[in-house]
Every structure is written in structure tokens, then in C-alpha cells.
Protein backbone atom coordinates (compact mmCIF):
# COMPACT_ATOMS: atom_id res chain seq x y z
CA MET A 1 98.75 108.83 77.99
CA GLY A 2 97.69 112.65 77.58
CA PHE A 3 101.27 113.46 75.61
CA LEU A 4 101.54 110.09 73.64
CA ASN A 5 98.23 111.07 71.76
CA ARG A 6 98.92 114.54 70.89
CA PHE A 7 101.92 112.81 69.94
CA GLU A 8 100.02 110.42 67.56
CA ARG A 9 98.22 113.18 66.40
CA ALA A 10 100.73 115.20 65.29
CA PHE A 11 103.07 112.53 63.47
CA GLY A 12 101.02 109.37 62.94
CA ARG A 13 100.37 110.52 59.40
CA PHE A 14 104.15 109.28 58.92
CA ALA A 15 103.55 105.85 60.75
CA ILE A 16 103.97 102.98 57.88
CA PRO A 17 101.71 100.16 57.89
CA HIS A 18 103.01 96.83 57.88
CA LEU A 19 106.41 97.41 59.08
CA ALA A 20 107.47 93.99 59.53
CA LEU A 21 106.16 92.80 56.41
CA TYR A 22 108.54 95.42 54.73
CA LEU A 23 111.47 94.31 56.94
CA ILE A 24 110.98 90.90 55.80
CA GLY A 25 110.21 91.85 52.27
CA GLY A 26 113.55 93.31 52.60
CA GLN A 27 115.73 90.31 54.61
CA VAL A 28 114.39 88.21 52.07
CA MET A 29 115.80 90.57 48.79
CA PHE A 30 119.04 91.00 50.58
CA LEU A 31 119.06 86.89 50.81
CA GLY A 32 118.54 86.31 47.63
CA PHE A 33 120.77 88.48 46.40
CA ALA A 34 123.68 86.58 49.01
CA LEU A 35 122.47 83.76 48.00
CA LEU A 36 123.43 84.55 44.30
CA GLY A 37 126.53 85.78 45.04
CA GLN A 38 125.70 89.05 44.51
CA PHE A 39 125.56 90.55 47.28
CA ASP A 40 127.66 90.51 50.81
CA LEU A 41 125.57 90.92 53.96
CA GLY A 42 128.48 91.72 55.76
CA ARG A 43 127.82 95.56 54.02
CA ILE A 44 125.00 96.34 55.62
CA LEU A 45 125.25 95.30 58.84
CA LEU A 46 125.75 97.68 61.80
CA VAL A 47 129.36 98.03 62.40
CA PRO A 48 130.21 101.05 64.53
CA ALA A 49 133.40 101.95 63.88
CA LEU A 50 132.52 101.59 59.51
CA VAL A 51 130.05 104.04 60.24
CA GLY A 52 132.34 106.41 61.63
CA GLN A 53 133.90 105.48 58.22
CA GLY A 54 131.53 107.20 56.46
CA GLU A 55 128.89 103.98 56.03
CA PHE A 56 125.97 105.74 57.36
CA TRP A 57 123.71 103.44 55.43
CA ARG A 58 124.40 100.72 58.13
CA LEU A 59 122.60 102.69 61.20
CA PHE A 60 119.34 101.56 59.63
CA THR A 61 120.23 98.80 56.44
CA PHE A 62 121.04 96.05 59.54
CA ALA A 63 117.68 96.06 60.00
CA LEU A 64 117.48 94.43 56.68
CA VAL A 65 120.25 91.30 57.42
CA PRO A 66 118.31 87.99 57.59
CA PRO A 67 118.86 85.65 60.51
CA VAL A 68 121.21 83.22 59.10
CA THR A 69 124.34 82.01 60.12
CA GLY A 70 127.16 79.98 57.32
CA GLN A 71 125.40 77.86 54.28
CA LEU A 72 121.75 77.99 54.11
CA THR A 73 120.70 74.44 54.39
CA MET A 74 116.61 72.91 53.38
CA VAL A 75 116.58 72.45 56.54
CA GLY A 76 117.32 75.98 57.68
CA ALA A 77 115.39 77.30 54.60
CA VAL A 78 112.35 76.33 56.80
CA PHE A 79 112.79 77.07 60.02
CA LEU A 80 113.88 80.82 58.24
CA ALA A 81 110.73 80.74 56.82
CA VAL A 82 108.90 79.59 59.80
CA SER A 83 110.77 82.12 62.33
CA TRP A 84 109.52 84.78 58.90
CA TYR A 85 106.23 83.91 59.17
CA PHE A 86 106.06 83.93 62.95
CA PHE A 87 106.82 87.43 63.49
CA HIS A 88 104.79 88.53 60.86
CA MET A 89 102.31 87.17 62.68
CA ILE A 90 102.68 88.51 66.36
CA SER A 91 104.07 91.88 65.01
CA GLN A 92 100.69 91.95 62.82
CA ALA A 93 99.13 91.37 66.27
CA LEU A 94 100.52 94.09 68.02
CA GLU A 95 99.89 96.99 65.37
CA SER A 96 96.47 95.74 65.52
CA HIS A 97 96.54 95.81 69.78
CA TRP A 98 98.80 99.16 69.48
CA GLY A 99 97.39 101.03 66.34
CA VAL A 100 100.63 101.66 63.28
CA PHE A 101 102.01 104.45 65.34
CA ARG A 102 102.54 103.02 68.28
CA PHE A 103 103.91 100.04 66.36
CA ASN A 104 106.07 101.98 64.65
CA LEU A 105 107.32 103.61 67.79
CA PHE A 106 108.02 100.44 69.56
CA PHE A 107 110.74 99.59 66.90
CA LEU A 108 111.87 102.80 66.70
CA LEU A 109 112.48 102.99 70.31
CA GLY A 110 114.17 99.53 70.14
CA TRP A 111 116.61 100.65 66.56
CA ALA A 112 117.45 103.29 69.05
CA LEU A 113 118.55 101.85 71.91
CA THR A 114 120.96 99.10 69.59
CA VAL A 115 121.93 102.09 67.73
CA ALA A 116 123.25 103.50 70.72
CA VAL A 117 124.38 100.12 72.57
CA SER A 118 126.71 99.32 69.37
CA PHE A 119 128.92 102.08 69.81
CA LEU A 120 130.28 100.66 72.64
CA THR A 121 131.46 97.58 71.17
CA PRO A 122 132.33 99.59 67.52
CA TYR A 123 133.84 96.65 65.92
CA GLN A 124 131.29 94.10 66.69
CA ALA A 125 128.71 93.53 64.47
CA THR A 126 124.34 93.82 65.12
CA GLY A 127 121.40 92.34 62.86
CA TYR A 128 117.92 93.26 63.58
CA ALA A 129 117.66 90.59 66.51
CA PHE A 130 116.73 93.29 69.25
CA PHE A 131 113.19 94.15 66.91
CA ALA A 132 112.51 90.24 67.05
CA VAL A 133 113.10 89.47 70.58
CA SER A 134 110.87 92.81 71.76
CA VAL A 135 108.18 92.00 69.37
CA PHE A 136 108.35 87.93 70.80
CA LEU A 137 108.21 89.19 74.47
CA ALA A 138 105.58 92.00 74.31
CA PHE A 139 103.58 89.37 72.14
CA ALA A 140 103.90 86.71 74.96
CA PHE A 141 103.17 89.35 77.53
CA LEU A 142 99.86 90.21 75.67
CA ASN A 143 98.85 86.39 74.73
CA PRO A 144 100.89 83.94 77.79
CA ASP A 145 98.14 81.56 76.82
CA PHE A 146 99.11 81.41 72.97
CA GLU A 147 100.41 77.54 72.12
CA LEU A 148 103.75 77.42 70.36
CA TYR A 149 104.68 73.95 68.83
CA LEU A 150 108.27 72.56 69.90
CA PHE A 151 109.66 70.41 67.08
CA PHE A 152 106.37 71.19 65.41
CA ILE A 153 104.65 68.85 67.71
CA LEU A 154 104.58 69.13 71.39
CA PRO A 155 102.13 72.29 72.47
CA VAL A 156 103.10 75.00 75.08
CA LYS A 157 102.66 77.83 75.68
CA ILE A 158 104.35 81.45 75.11
CA LYS A 159 104.98 82.66 78.55
CA TRP A 160 107.21 79.57 79.06
CA PHE A 161 109.50 80.49 76.46
CA ALA A 162 109.24 84.06 77.32
CA LEU A 163 109.82 82.98 80.90
CA LEU A 164 113.34 81.06 79.75
CA LEU A 165 114.23 84.31 78.16
CA TRP A 166 113.75 86.95 80.71
CA LEU A 167 115.68 83.85 83.18
CA GLY A 168 118.66 84.16 80.26
CA PHE A 169 118.26 88.25 80.38
CA ALA A 170 118.50 88.10 84.37
CA TYR A 171 121.81 85.90 84.18
CA ALA A 172 123.51 88.06 81.45
CA VAL A 173 122.59 90.85 83.90
CA VAL A 174 123.88 89.65 87.07
CA THR A 175 127.33 87.47 86.01
CA GLY A 176 128.03 89.86 82.77
CA GLY A 177 129.76 93.33 82.23
CA TRP A 178 128.14 96.22 81.49
CA ASN A 179 128.08 95.57 78.09
CA ALA A 180 126.34 92.48 78.43
CA ARG A 181 123.44 95.01 81.22
CA LEU A 182 123.68 97.31 78.36
CA ALA A 183 122.89 94.89 75.66
CA VAL A 184 119.76 93.09 77.50
CA LEU A 185 118.74 97.19 78.08
CA ALA A 186 118.97 97.28 73.91
CA ALA A 187 116.94 93.94 73.40
CA THR A 188 114.22 95.15 76.18
CA GLY A 189 114.29 98.58 76.80
CA ASN A 190 111.36 99.56 74.53
CA PHE A 191 109.49 96.37 75.79
CA LEU A 192 109.78 97.55 79.69
CA VAL A 193 108.95 101.03 78.29
CA PHE A 194 105.92 100.05 77.10
CA PHE A 195 104.70 97.94 79.34
CA ALA A 196 106.05 99.50 82.37
CA ARG A 197 102.04 100.14 84.04
CA ASP A 198 100.64 97.20 82.89
CA ILE A 199 103.75 95.46 85.04
CA VAL A 200 102.75 97.72 87.98
CA GLN A 201 99.43 97.08 87.80
CA ARG A 202 99.64 93.32 87.54
CA LEU A 203 102.11 93.39 90.43
CA ARG A 204 99.10 94.83 92.44
CA THR A 205 96.39 93.08 90.99
CA GLY A 206 98.10 89.69 92.08
CA ARG A 207 98.93 91.23 95.51
CA GLN A 208 95.13 92.37 96.02
CA HIS A 209 94.09 88.71 94.92
CA ARG A 210 96.62 86.84 96.93
CA GLN A 211 95.06 88.94 100.14
CA GLN A 212 91.59 88.22 98.85
CA GLN A 213 92.75 84.53 98.99
CA VAL A 214 93.81 84.29 102.46
CA ARG A 215 90.85 86.68 103.80
CA ARG A 216 88.65 84.32 101.88
CA SER A 217 90.26 80.74 103.57
CA GLU A 218 90.27 82.72 106.76
CA PHE A 219 86.64 83.09 106.85
CA SER A 220 86.15 79.38 105.29
CA ALA A 221 88.31 78.40 108.59
CA ASP A 222 86.05 79.78 110.75
CA GLU A 223 82.90 78.63 109.08
CA ASN A 224 83.93 75.24 109.13
CA GLU A 225 84.56 75.16 112.57
CA SER A 226 81.78 74.30 115.35
CA ARG A 227 81.38 77.76 117.78
CA HIS A 228 79.38 75.27 120.31
CA ARG A 229 80.07 71.37 120.76
CA CYS A 230 77.88 69.08 123.50
CA THR A 231 79.92 67.56 126.01
CA VAL A 232 77.96 64.27 125.95
CA CYS A 233 77.01 63.65 122.27
CA GLY A 234 79.30 65.73 120.74
CA LYS A 235 76.57 67.91 118.13
CA THR A 236 77.94 70.81 116.81
CA ASP A 237 75.92 73.70 115.83
CA LEU A 238 77.24 72.63 112.29
CA THR A 239 75.85 69.25 112.40
CA ASP A 240 72.31 70.37 113.89
CA ARG A 241 71.85 74.05 112.87
CA HIS A 242 69.03 73.99 114.52
CA MET A 243 69.87 72.89 118.63
CA ASP A 244 69.95 75.44 120.93
CA PHE A 245 73.52 75.06 123.15
CA ARG A 246 74.09 76.57 126.45
CA TYR A 247 76.83 76.56 129.34
CA CYS A 248 76.44 75.04 132.60
CA SER A 249 77.82 77.34 135.05
CA LYS A 250 77.60 74.16 137.49
CA CYS A 251 80.84 71.89 135.72
CA ALA A 252 84.47 72.85 135.49
CA ASN A 253 85.50 75.48 132.39
CA ASP A 254 81.28 75.83 132.11
CA GLU A 255 80.98 73.01 129.43
CA CYS A 256 78.76 73.10 126.90
CA TYR A 257 75.76 70.63 126.14
CA CYS A 258 72.92 70.56 123.81
CA ALA A 259 69.11 71.18 124.58
CA ASP A 260 68.84 67.51 125.19
CA HIS A 261 71.86 66.86 127.71
CA ILE A 262 71.96 70.77 129.52
CA PHE A 263 69.54 69.27 132.48
CA ASN A 264 70.69 65.71 132.18
CA HIS A 265 74.10 65.79 132.59
CA VAL A 266 76.80 64.74 135.31
CA HIS A 267 78.31 68.24 136.32
CA THR A 268 82.01 67.60 136.52
CA ALA A 269 84.04 66.99 139.61
CA ALA A 270 86.16 70.18 139.66
CA LYS A 271 82.78 72.34 139.66
CA VAL A 272 81.31 70.21 142.13
CA ALA A 273 83.80 70.36 144.83
CA GLU A 274 84.43 74.44 144.32
CA LYS A 275 80.86 74.78 144.83
CA GLN A 276 80.69 72.46 148.10
């Protein structure tokens, strides 16, 4: 953390506030040009093979490609607008939580990982999905009980969507090849770097909490279990906390009796026979 603070003091003045808003603005602009037939979005996607031919702008402009496929319908336009709004909202929440510089650093790390992994498949186009995924996971980690409305109707906590996403990543890591595993790393690497310490701390806290619960349950079980029970009337130190209980040395197994029956009971035969 000390290194990060020094790094922020040295380069913090170069951080861009409201970075997500600029990204969304760029996407809106390029989408507008594309809908007017004035621009081909394929010209700004990240295609490493074309970068190698001199189209270096693709290393940066791929973050400005909007998350659309094919023709934009009315329903698609609504969902696109909602996704932009949601992306801006959670990005601003992270920027407020970390500060401008660290949020920029989060984006920069995700961008670097995505560019590096993309060169493993030089003819495959890459968009900005890496950043949207990592921002979503970061927000869900910090605000697990935040509710999203599925189909605009059913409220579901964001942590369950994040869990499904992590399960999908785990499936890709287990069943996919190295390209799939590295793609997962590109989408989650910046999240893991930023939250590794918090994850470890939560695991430790969770283990300590479970141990405390076990100790409490054991203590409660001990409290609910009577230590003394009268052989005659069945009174216990729980049903009558003011009663004195004693054990009879003349009875088999040194039976326990309350004060009312310690001198008023029939000795068990096994002990009496032994005394005789």
C-alpha cells in the first residue's frame, strides 16, 4: 500500500476523472456514425494481426466499441441504454470508493491484460467486455446485497449474478484450453489484484466466525444439559437452581438425589449387597 500511495502521489495528476463517462460517450459517438452508415466499427476493434500491419490505434480504440451485435432493434436500443446507465453507475461507485487514480489504474491493468492475451489469437477481434466484466465483479464484491431487477420485475441480489459469472469462469478454466484460461485471467486479473487481500481477509474472518459459532453451540449445549438429576423425583439443577443435590454412597453407581430425597429413598440393591 505504501508503494501504491507513492505511485499515486507521483502520477495522480494524470488520472482522468469520470473515465466511464468518456468511454460511454465515445461508444455513443461511434455507434451513431455506424448507424448513419458513415463508419465501420470493425475498424476500431482490437485485431492483433492488423496491429502488426501498422494499425496501432486498435490497441486503444477497441474500448470505444459499443456492446452491440448485428442490427440495433428498438428492444436492443433499450437494453443498450440500460447497460450504459448501469455501467456508469457502478463505475462512479468504484471511483468514489477508490478515488480517481486507483479507478484509472484498475482500468489500465484490465486493458493491459486484455491486450496481452489478445495476441495469442491474432486474428480474433476483441471489444471492451473485459472492463465491463471486471467493473461488475468489483462492484458486486463491495456491494453484494445491491438488488438488480431481472426482466425489470424480479429483484435479485447482485451477488448471485456474480456467483453465476464466477461459476462460468471456473467451468471455462476447467474444461477449456490455455487460451480460454488466459481469457478468464484477462477478464478477472485486475479484480484479483485489487481484491486479493480482502478475499484472504474474508476467508480468515469467515473461518474465525465459524469457530466462534461452534464454541457458542458447545457452550449452549453445556448450559442446556443438567449436571445433577434426582433419581427419585427427576428434579435437576436447571429446573430448580436453588436445590442442593448430593450423591448417596450406599447406592449403586452413587446415585444423585435432591435435598428432599437424599435421606428419604430406598438404596439400590447392588450397593446394599456389596456393603453386606
